[in-house]
Amino acid sequence: MCLSIPAKIIEIDGNNGKVEFSGGIRRDVDLSLVHTKVGDYVIVHAGFAIEKLDEKSARESLEIWAEIESYVSGP
């Protein structure tokens, strides 16, 4: 099972980039599979950006993940 959590591209250097996930977690990714620019949201799998998301879809997904996290964390 693959869980899809959007990440925002914050840097690009050729086919390499840095993305930021919710909570400020940053990772290096390979951007060679999608056409992107800084500020775009992508789905990352195994170190590759595999799909570009529009901002509305990314924000909706991030809201759902925040709800799941709060449910799992508990009060």
N, C-alpha and C. Protein backbone atom coordinates (compact mmCIF):
# COMPACT_ATOMS: atom_id res chain seq x y z
N MET A 1 0.84 -1.18 0.00
CA MET A 1 0.00 0.00 0.00
C MET A 1 0.88 1.24 0.00
N CYS A 2 0.53 2.20 -0.82
CA CYS A 2 1.27 3.44 -0.90
C CYS A 2 0.40 4.56 -0.36
N LEU A 3 0.91 5.29 0.61
CA LEU A 3 0.19 6.43 1.15
C LEU A 3 0.67 7.69 0.44
N SER A 4 -0.26 8.47 -0.07
CA SER A 4 0.10 9.66 -0.84
C SER A 4 -0.07 10.91 0.00
N ILE A 5 1.05 11.49 0.35
CA ILE A 5 1.05 12.74 1.11
C ILE A 5 1.69 13.81 0.25
N PRO A 6 0.98 14.89 -0.02
CA PRO A 6 1.54 15.94 -0.86
C PRO A 6 2.74 16.63 -0.20
N ALA A 7 3.65 17.06 -1.05
CA ALA A 7 4.80 17.84 -0.61
C ALA A 7 4.93 19.04 -1.54
N LYS A 8 5.39 20.15 -1.01
CA LYS A 8 5.55 21.38 -1.80
C LYS A 8 7.01 21.52 -2.22
N ILE A 9 7.23 21.79 -3.50
CA ILE A 9 8.58 21.99 -4.00
C ILE A 9 9.09 23.34 -3.53
N ILE A 10 10.25 23.34 -2.87
CA ILE A 10 10.82 24.59 -2.37
C ILE A 10 12.12 24.96 -3.06
N GLU A 11 12.77 23.99 -3.74
CA GLU A 11 14.00 24.26 -4.49
C GLU A 11 14.07 23.32 -5.68
N ILE A 12 14.65 23.82 -6.78
CA ILE A 12 14.89 22.97 -7.94
C ILE A 12 16.30 23.23 -8.46
N ASP A 13 17.01 22.13 -8.75
CA ASP A 13 18.34 22.20 -9.35
C ASP A 13 18.41 21.11 -10.41
N GLY A 14 18.08 21.47 -11.65
CA GLY A 14 18.03 20.47 -12.71
C GLY A 14 16.89 19.50 -12.48
N ASN A 15 17.19 18.21 -12.45
CA ASN A 15 16.17 17.19 -12.18
C ASN A 15 16.04 16.88 -10.69
N ASN A 16 16.78 17.55 -9.87
CA ASN A 16 16.73 17.34 -8.43
C ASN A 16 16.00 18.49 -7.76
N GLY A 17 15.36 18.19 -6.67
CA GLY A 17 14.66 19.23 -5.95
C GLY A 17 14.57 18.91 -4.48
N LYS A 18 14.11 19.89 -3.74
CA LYS A 18 13.85 19.71 -2.31
C LYS A 18 12.38 20.02 -2.10
N VAL A 19 11.72 19.12 -1.37
CA VAL A 19 10.31 19.32 -1.07
C VAL A 19 10.12 19.43 0.44
N GLU A 20 8.99 20.05 0.81
CA GLU A 20 8.65 20.17 2.22
C GLU A 20 7.29 19.53 2.44
N PHE A 21 7.26 18.58 3.37
CA PHE A 21 6.02 17.93 3.76
C PHE A 21 5.41 18.70 4.92
N SER A 22 4.19 18.38 5.25
CA SER A 22 3.53 18.96 6.41
C SER A 22 4.41 18.77 7.64
N GLY A 23 4.45 19.77 8.48
CA GLY A 23 5.26 19.67 9.68
C GLY A 23 6.69 20.13 9.47
N GLY A 24 7.01 20.61 8.27
CA GLY A 24 8.34 21.15 8.02
C GLY A 24 9.40 20.12 7.64
N ILE A 25 9.01 18.87 7.43
CA ILE A 25 9.97 17.84 7.05
C ILE A 25 10.39 18.07 5.61
N ARG A 26 11.70 18.12 5.37
CA ARG A 26 12.23 18.37 4.03
C ARG A 26 13.00 17.16 3.53
N ARG A 27 12.85 16.88 2.24
CA ARG A 27 13.53 15.75 1.61
C ARG A 27 13.98 16.14 0.21
N ASP A 28 15.08 15.51 -0.23
CA ASP A 28 15.54 15.65 -1.60
C ASP A 28 14.78 14.65 -2.45
N VAL A 29 14.37 15.07 -3.65
CA VAL A 29 13.62 14.19 -4.55
C VAL A 29 14.12 14.35 -5.99
N ASP A 30 13.85 13.34 -6.77
CA ASP A 30 14.13 13.38 -8.20
C ASP A 30 12.88 13.89 -8.90
N LEU A 31 13.02 14.94 -9.69
CA LEU A 31 11.87 15.56 -10.36
C LEU A 31 11.78 15.19 -11.84
N SER A 32 12.57 14.23 -12.29
CA SER A 32 12.67 13.94 -13.71
C SER A 32 11.38 13.36 -14.32
N LEU A 33 10.45 12.88 -13.51
CA LEU A 33 9.24 12.25 -14.04
C LEU A 33 8.08 13.23 -14.24
N VAL A 34 8.19 14.43 -13.69
CA VAL A 34 7.10 15.41 -13.78
C VAL A 34 7.67 16.79 -14.12
N HIS A 35 6.88 17.58 -14.81
CA HIS A 35 7.28 18.96 -15.13
C HIS A 35 6.75 19.86 -14.01
N THR A 36 7.66 20.48 -13.25
CA THR A 36 7.26 21.25 -12.08
C THR A 36 8.03 22.55 -11.99
N LYS A 37 7.57 23.37 -11.06
CA LYS A 37 8.28 24.60 -10.71
C LYS A 37 8.19 24.78 -9.20
N VAL A 38 9.01 25.66 -8.66
CA VAL A 38 8.97 25.95 -7.23
C VAL A 38 7.56 26.42 -6.87
N GLY A 39 7.04 25.87 -5.79
CA GLY A 39 5.69 26.21 -5.34
C GLY A 39 4.66 25.16 -5.70
N ASP A 40 4.97 24.28 -6.66
CA ASP A 40 4.05 23.20 -7.04
C ASP A 40 4.00 22.15 -5.93
N TYR A 41 2.88 21.43 -5.89
CA TYR A 41 2.72 20.30 -4.99
C TYR A 41 2.86 19.01 -5.78
N VAL A 42 3.52 18.03 -5.19
CA VAL A 42 3.74 16.75 -5.83
C VAL A 42 3.51 15.61 -4.85
N ILE A 43 3.27 14.42 -5.41
CA ILE A 43 3.25 13.19 -4.63
C ILE A 43 4.61 12.55 -4.80
N VAL A 44 5.24 12.16 -3.70
CA VAL A 44 6.58 11.57 -3.73
C VAL A 44 6.50 10.11 -3.35
N HIS A 45 7.17 9.27 -4.15
CA HIS A 45 7.25 7.83 -3.85
C HIS A 45 8.66 7.36 -4.14
N ALA A 46 9.30 6.74 -3.16
CA ALA A 46 10.64 6.17 -3.30
C ALA A 46 11.64 7.19 -3.83
N GLY A 47 11.51 8.43 -3.38
CA GLY A 47 12.48 9.45 -3.75
C GLY A 47 12.20 10.15 -5.07
N PHE A 48 11.10 9.80 -5.74
CA PHE A 48 10.72 10.42 -7.01
C PHE A 48 9.40 11.16 -6.87
N ALA A 49 9.31 12.36 -7.44
CA ALA A 49 8.02 13.03 -7.57
C ALA A 49 7.30 12.31 -8.71
N ILE A 50 6.16 11.70 -8.42
CA ILE A 50 5.49 10.88 -9.43
C ILE A 50 4.23 11.52 -9.99
N GLU A 51 3.74 12.55 -9.33
CA GLU A 51 2.52 13.21 -9.82
C GLU A 51 2.47 14.63 -9.31
N LYS A 52 2.04 15.54 -10.16
CA LYS A 52 1.84 16.94 -9.77
C LYS A 52 0.38 17.11 -9.38
N LEU A 53 0.15 17.87 -8.30
CA LEU A 53 -1.20 18.14 -7.82
C LEU A 53 -1.49 19.63 -7.94
N ASP A 54 -2.77 19.96 -8.17
CA ASP A 54 -3.13 21.37 -8.08
C ASP A 54 -3.21 21.73 -6.60
N GLU A 55 -3.07 23.00 -6.30
CA GLU A 55 -2.99 23.43 -4.90
C GLU A 55 -4.24 23.07 -4.11
N LYS A 56 -5.42 23.19 -4.73
CA LYS A 56 -6.67 22.87 -4.02
C LYS A 56 -6.68 21.40 -3.58
N SER A 57 -6.34 20.50 -4.49
CA SER A 57 -6.31 19.07 -4.15
C SER A 57 -5.29 18.77 -3.07
N ALA A 58 -4.12 19.42 -3.18
CA ALA A 58 -3.07 19.21 -2.19
C ALA A 58 -3.53 19.67 -0.81
N ARG A 59 -4.14 20.84 -0.74
CA ARG A 59 -4.60 21.36 0.56
C ARG A 59 -5.71 20.48 1.16
N GLU A 60 -6.62 20.01 0.31
CA GLU A 60 -7.68 19.11 0.80
C GLU A 60 -7.07 17.84 1.38
N SER A 61 -6.10 17.28 0.68
CA SER A 61 -5.44 16.07 1.15
C SER A 61 -4.70 16.33 2.46
N LEU A 62 -4.02 17.46 2.55
CA LEU A 62 -3.29 17.79 3.78
C LEU A 62 -4.24 17.96 4.96
N GLU A 63 -5.43 18.52 4.71
CA GLU A 63 -6.43 18.66 5.78
C GLU A 63 -6.88 17.28 6.28
N ILE A 64 -7.09 16.37 5.35
CA ILE A 64 -7.49 15.01 5.73
C ILE A 64 -6.39 14.34 6.55
N TRP A 65 -5.15 14.47 6.12
CA TRP A 65 -4.03 13.89 6.87
C TRP A 65 -3.94 14.49 8.26
N ALA A 66 -4.20 15.79 8.40
CA ALA A 66 -4.17 16.43 9.72
C ALA A 66 -5.26 15.84 10.62
N GLU A 67 -6.43 15.59 10.05
CA GLU A 67 -7.51 14.96 10.82
C GLU A 67 -7.11 13.55 11.27
N ILE A 68 -6.53 12.79 10.37
CA ILE A 68 -6.09 11.43 10.72
C ILE A 68 -5.04 11.48 11.82
N GLU A 69 -4.11 12.38 11.68
CA GLU A 69 -3.05 12.51 12.69
C GLU A 69 -3.62 12.87 14.05
N SER A 70 -4.57 13.79 14.11
CA SER A 70 -5.15 14.17 15.39
C SER A 70 -5.96 13.03 15.99
N TYR A 71 -6.60 12.21 15.14
CA TYR A 71 -7.36 11.07 15.61
C TYR A 71 -6.42 10.01 16.20
N VAL A 72 -5.33 9.75 15.51
CA VAL A 72 -4.36 8.73 15.95
C VAL A 72 -3.63 9.20 17.21
N SER A 73 -3.30 10.48 17.27
CA SER A 73 -2.58 11.02 18.42
C SER A 73 -3.44 11.06 19.66
N GLY A 74 -4.73 11.29 19.46
CA GLY A 74 -5.65 11.36 20.59
C GLY A 74 -5.52 12.67 21.33
N PRO A 75 -6.39 12.85 22.33
CA PRO A 75 -6.37 14.10 23.11
C PRO A 75 -5.21 14.19 24.07
